[in-house]
Amino acid sequence: MYSKFIIVSSPGERGGYLRLGSCINHRDLVIGYEKVHGGGWYLQDDEKKTITLYGSSCDYGDPKLGLIDSIDREFRDYSFWFTPYIGCPPNPLDMSLVRWI
């Protein structure tokens, strides 16, 4: 199992939900008829309260990070970062407008 993420929305929605999970394939994170806006892998550091998103989904392509408008509230105190490759320095993501659900 691998730590993967996807950005999904229900039909008719404009924004996307950041779904994190442990799975083999990114498509295993999809529930029902959701639209997927890319994905990748993630590293969660509970000690530093950071989540680093990186890479691209083989199933759905590059993540459309600008579509993220909601995240699970358990991650409200975390800072989010993105890097295209795990060895590259990450850039911070602005989560100030995100709904914590």
N, C-alpha and C. Protein backbone atom coordinates (compact mmCIF):
# COMPACT_ATOMS: atom_id res chain seq x y z
N MET A 1 0.84 -1.17 0.00
CA MET A 1 0.00 0.00 0.00
C MET A 1 0.89 1.25 0.00
N TYR A 2 0.40 2.27 -0.67
CA TYR A 2 1.16 3.51 -0.81
C TYR A 2 0.30 4.70 -0.40
N SER A 3 0.94 5.73 0.13
CA SER A 3 0.23 6.96 0.51
C SER A 3 -0.01 7.79 -0.73
N LYS A 4 -1.27 7.83 -1.18
CA LYS A 4 -1.62 8.54 -2.41
C LYS A 4 -2.74 9.53 -2.16
N PHE A 5 -2.85 10.51 -3.04
CA PHE A 5 -3.94 11.47 -2.95
C PHE A 5 -4.55 11.71 -4.32
N ILE A 6 -5.80 12.14 -4.31
CA ILE A 6 -6.47 12.60 -5.52
C ILE A 6 -7.29 13.84 -5.14
N ILE A 7 -7.64 14.61 -6.13
CA ILE A 7 -8.53 15.75 -5.96
C ILE A 7 -9.80 15.39 -6.71
N VAL A 8 -10.93 15.36 -6.00
CA VAL A 8 -12.19 14.90 -6.58
C VAL A 8 -13.29 15.92 -6.38
N SER A 9 -14.27 15.86 -7.26
CA SER A 9 -15.48 16.65 -7.09
C SER A 9 -16.68 15.82 -7.54
N SER A 10 -17.82 16.13 -6.96
CA SER A 10 -19.06 15.47 -7.38
C SER A 10 -19.54 16.15 -8.65
N PRO A 11 -20.36 15.47 -9.46
CA PRO A 11 -20.86 16.09 -10.68
C PRO A 11 -21.53 17.44 -10.37
N GLY A 12 -21.19 18.45 -11.14
CA GLY A 12 -21.77 19.77 -10.98
C GLY A 12 -21.03 20.69 -10.03
N GLU A 13 -20.10 20.16 -9.24
CA GLU A 13 -19.33 21.00 -8.32
C GLU A 13 -18.16 21.63 -9.05
N ARG A 14 -17.77 22.82 -8.62
CA ARG A 14 -16.66 23.53 -9.26
C ARG A 14 -15.33 23.24 -8.58
N GLY A 15 -15.33 23.15 -7.25
CA GLY A 15 -14.09 22.92 -6.51
C GLY A 15 -13.83 21.45 -6.31
N GLY A 16 -12.77 21.17 -5.58
CA GLY A 16 -12.41 19.79 -5.36
C GLY A 16 -12.04 19.50 -3.91
N TYR A 17 -12.18 18.26 -3.54
CA TYR A 17 -11.87 17.76 -2.21
C TYR A 17 -10.56 17.01 -2.29
N LEU A 18 -9.64 17.29 -1.37
CA LEU A 18 -8.37 16.58 -1.31
C LEU A 18 -8.57 15.30 -0.51
N ARG A 19 -8.48 14.17 -1.18
CA ARG A 19 -8.65 12.87 -0.51
C ARG A 19 -7.30 12.19 -0.39
N LEU A 20 -6.92 11.87 0.83
CA LEU A 20 -5.68 11.15 1.12
C LEU A 20 -6.03 9.72 1.48
N GLY A 21 -5.19 8.78 1.09
CA GLY A 21 -5.46 7.41 1.44
C GLY A 21 -4.29 6.50 1.16
N SER A 22 -4.41 5.28 1.62
CA SER A 22 -3.40 4.26 1.40
C SER A 22 -3.98 3.22 0.45
N CYS A 23 -3.35 3.08 -0.71
CA CYS A 23 -3.89 2.17 -1.73
C CYS A 23 -2.80 1.76 -2.71
N ILE A 24 -3.14 0.89 -3.62
CA ILE A 24 -2.23 0.48 -4.68
C ILE A 24 -2.37 1.42 -5.87
N ASN A 25 -3.60 1.62 -6.34
CA ASN A 25 -3.88 2.48 -7.50
C ASN A 25 -4.67 3.71 -7.07
N HIS A 26 -4.42 4.84 -7.73
CA HIS A 26 -5.15 6.05 -7.42
C HIS A 26 -6.67 5.85 -7.58
N ARG A 27 -7.06 5.06 -8.56
CA ARG A 27 -8.49 4.86 -8.81
C ARG A 27 -9.18 4.17 -7.64
N ASP A 28 -8.40 3.53 -6.75
CA ASP A 28 -8.99 2.90 -5.56
C ASP A 28 -9.53 3.93 -4.57
N LEU A 29 -9.13 5.20 -4.72
CA LEU A 29 -9.60 6.26 -3.83
C LEU A 29 -10.91 6.90 -4.30
N VAL A 30 -11.34 6.58 -5.51
CA VAL A 30 -12.55 7.18 -6.08
C VAL A 30 -13.78 6.48 -5.53
N ILE A 31 -14.79 7.29 -5.16
CA ILE A 31 -16.05 6.75 -4.64
C ILE A 31 -17.16 7.15 -5.61
N GLY A 32 -17.83 6.18 -6.19
CA GLY A 32 -18.97 6.46 -7.07
C GLY A 32 -18.58 7.18 -8.35
N TYR A 33 -19.35 8.22 -8.68
CA TYR A 33 -19.20 8.91 -9.95
C TYR A 33 -18.47 10.24 -9.82
N GLU A 34 -17.46 10.29 -9.00
CA GLU A 34 -16.71 11.52 -8.80
C GLU A 34 -15.84 11.84 -10.02
N LYS A 35 -15.63 13.13 -10.24
CA LYS A 35 -14.68 13.58 -11.27
C LYS A 35 -13.35 13.76 -10.58
N VAL A 36 -12.29 13.23 -11.18
CA VAL A 36 -10.96 13.30 -10.59
C VAL A 36 -10.14 14.35 -11.33
N HIS A 37 -9.48 15.22 -10.55
CA HIS A 37 -8.68 16.31 -11.10
C HIS A 37 -7.20 16.08 -10.79
N GLY A 38 -6.72 14.88 -11.07
CA GLY A 38 -5.32 14.55 -10.86
C GLY A 38 -5.03 14.03 -9.47
N GLY A 39 -3.78 13.71 -9.26
CA GLY A 39 -3.37 13.17 -7.97
C GLY A 39 -1.88 12.97 -7.91
N GLY A 40 -1.44 12.24 -6.93
CA GLY A 40 -0.02 11.96 -6.73
C GLY A 40 0.18 11.20 -5.43
N TRP A 41 1.34 11.41 -4.83
CA TRP A 41 1.69 10.75 -3.58
C TRP A 41 1.81 11.82 -2.50
N TYR A 42 1.85 11.39 -1.25
CA TYR A 42 2.03 12.36 -0.17
C TYR A 42 2.87 11.77 0.95
N LEU A 43 3.51 12.68 1.68
CA LEU A 43 4.24 12.34 2.89
C LEU A 43 3.61 13.13 4.03
N GLN A 44 3.22 12.46 5.07
CA GLN A 44 2.60 13.11 6.23
C GLN A 44 3.56 13.04 7.39
N ASP A 45 3.91 14.19 7.95
CA ASP A 45 4.79 14.27 9.11
C ASP A 45 3.96 14.83 10.27
N ASP A 46 3.51 13.94 11.16
CA ASP A 46 2.65 14.35 12.26
C ASP A 46 3.43 15.16 13.31
N GLU A 47 4.71 14.92 13.42
CA GLU A 47 5.53 15.66 14.38
C GLU A 47 5.66 17.13 13.98
N LYS A 48 5.90 17.37 12.68
CA LYS A 48 6.04 18.74 12.17
C LYS A 48 4.72 19.33 11.70
N LYS A 49 3.66 18.50 11.69
CA LYS A 49 2.34 18.92 11.21
C LYS A 49 2.41 19.42 9.77
N THR A 50 3.04 18.62 8.90
CA THR A 50 3.13 18.97 7.48
C THR A 50 2.65 17.80 6.63
N ILE A 51 2.09 18.16 5.48
CA ILE A 51 1.75 17.17 4.46
C ILE A 51 2.36 17.69 3.17
N THR A 52 3.23 16.87 2.58
CA THR A 52 3.87 17.23 1.32
C THR A 52 3.25 16.39 0.21
N LEU A 53 2.64 17.07 -0.75
CA LEU A 53 2.08 16.41 -1.93
C LEU A 53 3.15 16.44 -3.00
N TYR A 54 3.27 15.35 -3.75
CA TYR A 54 4.26 15.34 -4.82
C TYR A 54 3.85 14.38 -5.92
N GLY A 55 4.49 14.57 -7.06
CA GLY A 55 4.31 13.66 -8.17
C GLY A 55 3.06 13.89 -8.98
N SER A 56 2.71 12.85 -9.69
CA SER A 56 1.58 12.85 -10.60
C SER A 56 0.97 11.46 -10.60
N SER A 57 -0.33 11.37 -10.76
CA SER A 57 -1.02 10.09 -10.77
C SER A 57 -0.87 9.42 -12.14
N CYS A 58 -0.52 8.14 -12.12
CA CYS A 58 -0.48 7.37 -13.37
C CYS A 58 -1.89 7.21 -13.93
N ASP A 59 -2.89 7.17 -13.05
CA ASP A 59 -4.28 7.00 -13.47
C ASP A 59 -4.91 8.31 -13.94
N TYR A 60 -4.56 9.46 -13.29
CA TYR A 60 -5.29 10.71 -13.55
C TYR A 60 -4.42 11.92 -13.89
N GLY A 61 -3.13 11.77 -13.93
CA GLY A 61 -2.26 12.87 -14.33
C GLY A 61 -1.91 13.84 -13.21
N ASP A 62 -1.37 15.01 -13.61
CA ASP A 62 -0.92 16.03 -12.66
C ASP A 62 -2.08 16.55 -11.83
N PRO A 63 -1.82 16.82 -10.54
CA PRO A 63 -2.89 17.35 -9.69
C PRO A 63 -3.20 18.81 -10.02
N LYS A 64 -4.45 19.14 -10.07
CA LYS A 64 -4.89 20.53 -10.30
C LYS A 64 -5.11 21.14 -8.92
N LEU A 65 -4.01 21.56 -8.31
CA LEU A 65 -4.01 22.01 -6.92
C LEU A 65 -4.90 23.22 -6.69
N GLY A 66 -5.06 24.06 -7.71
CA GLY A 66 -5.90 25.24 -7.59
C GLY A 66 -7.37 24.93 -7.39
N LEU A 67 -7.77 23.70 -7.63
CA LEU A 67 -9.18 23.31 -7.45
C LEU A 67 -9.50 22.87 -6.03
N ILE A 68 -8.49 22.69 -5.19
CA ILE A 68 -8.75 22.22 -3.83
C ILE A 68 -9.49 23.30 -3.05
N ASP A 69 -10.71 22.98 -2.64
CA ASP A 69 -11.45 23.94 -1.82
C ASP A 69 -11.97 23.33 -0.52
N SER A 70 -11.73 22.02 -0.32
CA SER A 70 -12.11 21.42 0.95
C SER A 70 -11.17 20.25 1.29
N ILE A 71 -10.91 20.15 2.60
CA ILE A 71 -10.01 19.13 3.14
C ILE A 71 -10.60 18.64 4.46
N ASP A 72 -10.33 17.40 4.79
CA ASP A 72 -10.79 16.83 6.05
C ASP A 72 -10.26 17.67 7.23
N ARG A 73 -11.15 17.98 8.17
CA ARG A 73 -10.80 18.87 9.29
C ARG A 73 -9.69 18.33 10.18
N GLU A 74 -9.41 17.04 10.14
CA GLU A 74 -8.34 16.50 10.98
C GLU A 74 -6.97 17.07 10.58
N PHE A 75 -6.88 17.67 9.40
CA PHE A 75 -5.62 18.24 8.93
C PHE A 75 -5.57 19.76 9.03
N ARG A 76 -6.50 20.34 9.75
CA ARG A 76 -6.61 21.80 9.85
C ARG A 76 -5.32 22.46 10.38
N ASP A 77 -4.62 21.82 11.28
CA ASP A 77 -3.41 22.39 11.87
C ASP A 77 -2.14 22.08 11.08
N TYR A 78 -2.29 21.44 9.94
CA TYR A 78 -1.14 21.07 9.12
C TYR A 78 -0.84 22.16 8.09
N SER A 79 0.43 22.25 7.71
CA SER A 79 0.78 23.08 6.56
C SER A 79 0.93 22.13 5.37
N PHE A 80 0.59 22.62 4.19
CA PHE A 80 0.62 21.80 2.97
C PHE A 80 1.68 22.34 2.02
N TRP A 81 2.39 21.42 1.40
CA TRP A 81 3.49 21.74 0.49
C TRP A 81 3.33 20.92 -0.77
N PHE A 82 3.93 21.38 -1.86
CA PHE A 82 3.91 20.60 -3.11
C PHE A 82 5.28 20.66 -3.78
N THR A 83 5.67 19.53 -4.32
CA THR A 83 6.87 19.44 -5.15
C THR A 83 6.60 18.39 -6.23
N PRO A 84 7.07 18.64 -7.45
CA PRO A 84 6.81 17.65 -8.50
C PRO A 84 7.58 16.34 -8.29
N TYR A 85 8.71 16.41 -7.57
CA TYR A 85 9.54 15.22 -7.33
C TYR A 85 9.94 15.19 -5.87
N ILE A 86 10.04 14.03 -5.30
CA ILE A 86 10.32 13.89 -3.87
C ILE A 86 11.67 14.50 -3.48
N GLY A 87 12.63 14.57 -4.36
CA GLY A 87 13.94 15.13 -4.02
C GLY A 87 14.03 16.63 -4.17
N CYS A 88 13.04 17.26 -4.79
CA CYS A 88 13.06 18.72 -5.01
C CYS A 88 12.53 19.45 -3.78
N PRO A 89 12.99 20.70 -3.56
CA PRO A 89 12.44 21.47 -2.44
C PRO A 89 10.97 21.79 -2.69
N PRO A 90 10.11 21.59 -1.67
CA PRO A 90 8.68 21.86 -1.85
C PRO A 90 8.34 23.34 -1.70
N ASN A 91 7.24 23.73 -2.30
CA ASN A 91 6.69 25.08 -2.18
C ASN A 91 5.43 25.02 -1.33
N PRO A 92 5.21 26.03 -0.48
CA PRO A 92 4.00 26.02 0.35
C PRO A 92 2.74 26.24 -0.48
N LEU A 93 1.66 25.61 -0.08
CA LEU A 93 0.36 25.79 -0.72
C LEU A 93 -0.49 26.70 0.17
N ASP A 94 -1.18 27.63 -0.44
CA ASP A 94 -2.06 28.54 0.31
C ASP A 94 -3.39 27.85 0.55
N MET A 95 -3.67 27.54 1.80
CA MET A 95 -4.90 26.87 2.18
C MET A 95 -5.83 27.80 2.95
N SER A 96 -5.64 29.09 2.82
CA SER A 96 -6.42 30.06 3.60
C SER A 96 -7.90 30.08 3.22
N LEU A 97 -8.26 29.69 2.01
CA LEU A 97 -9.66 29.72 1.57
C LEU A 97 -10.32 28.34 1.60
N VAL A 98 -9.62 27.35 2.09
CA VAL A 98 -10.12 25.97 2.12
C VAL A 98 -11.18 25.83 3.21
N ARG A 99 -12.22 25.06 2.90
CA ARG A 99 -13.23 24.67 3.90
C ARG A 99 -12.73 23.38 4.57
N TRP A 100 -12.77 23.36 5.88
CA TRP A 100 -12.35 22.19 6.64
C TRP A 100 -13.61 21.43 7.04
N ILE A 101 -13.84 20.28 6.40
CA ILE A 101 -15.10 19.55 6.60
C ILE A 101 -14.90 18.24 7.37
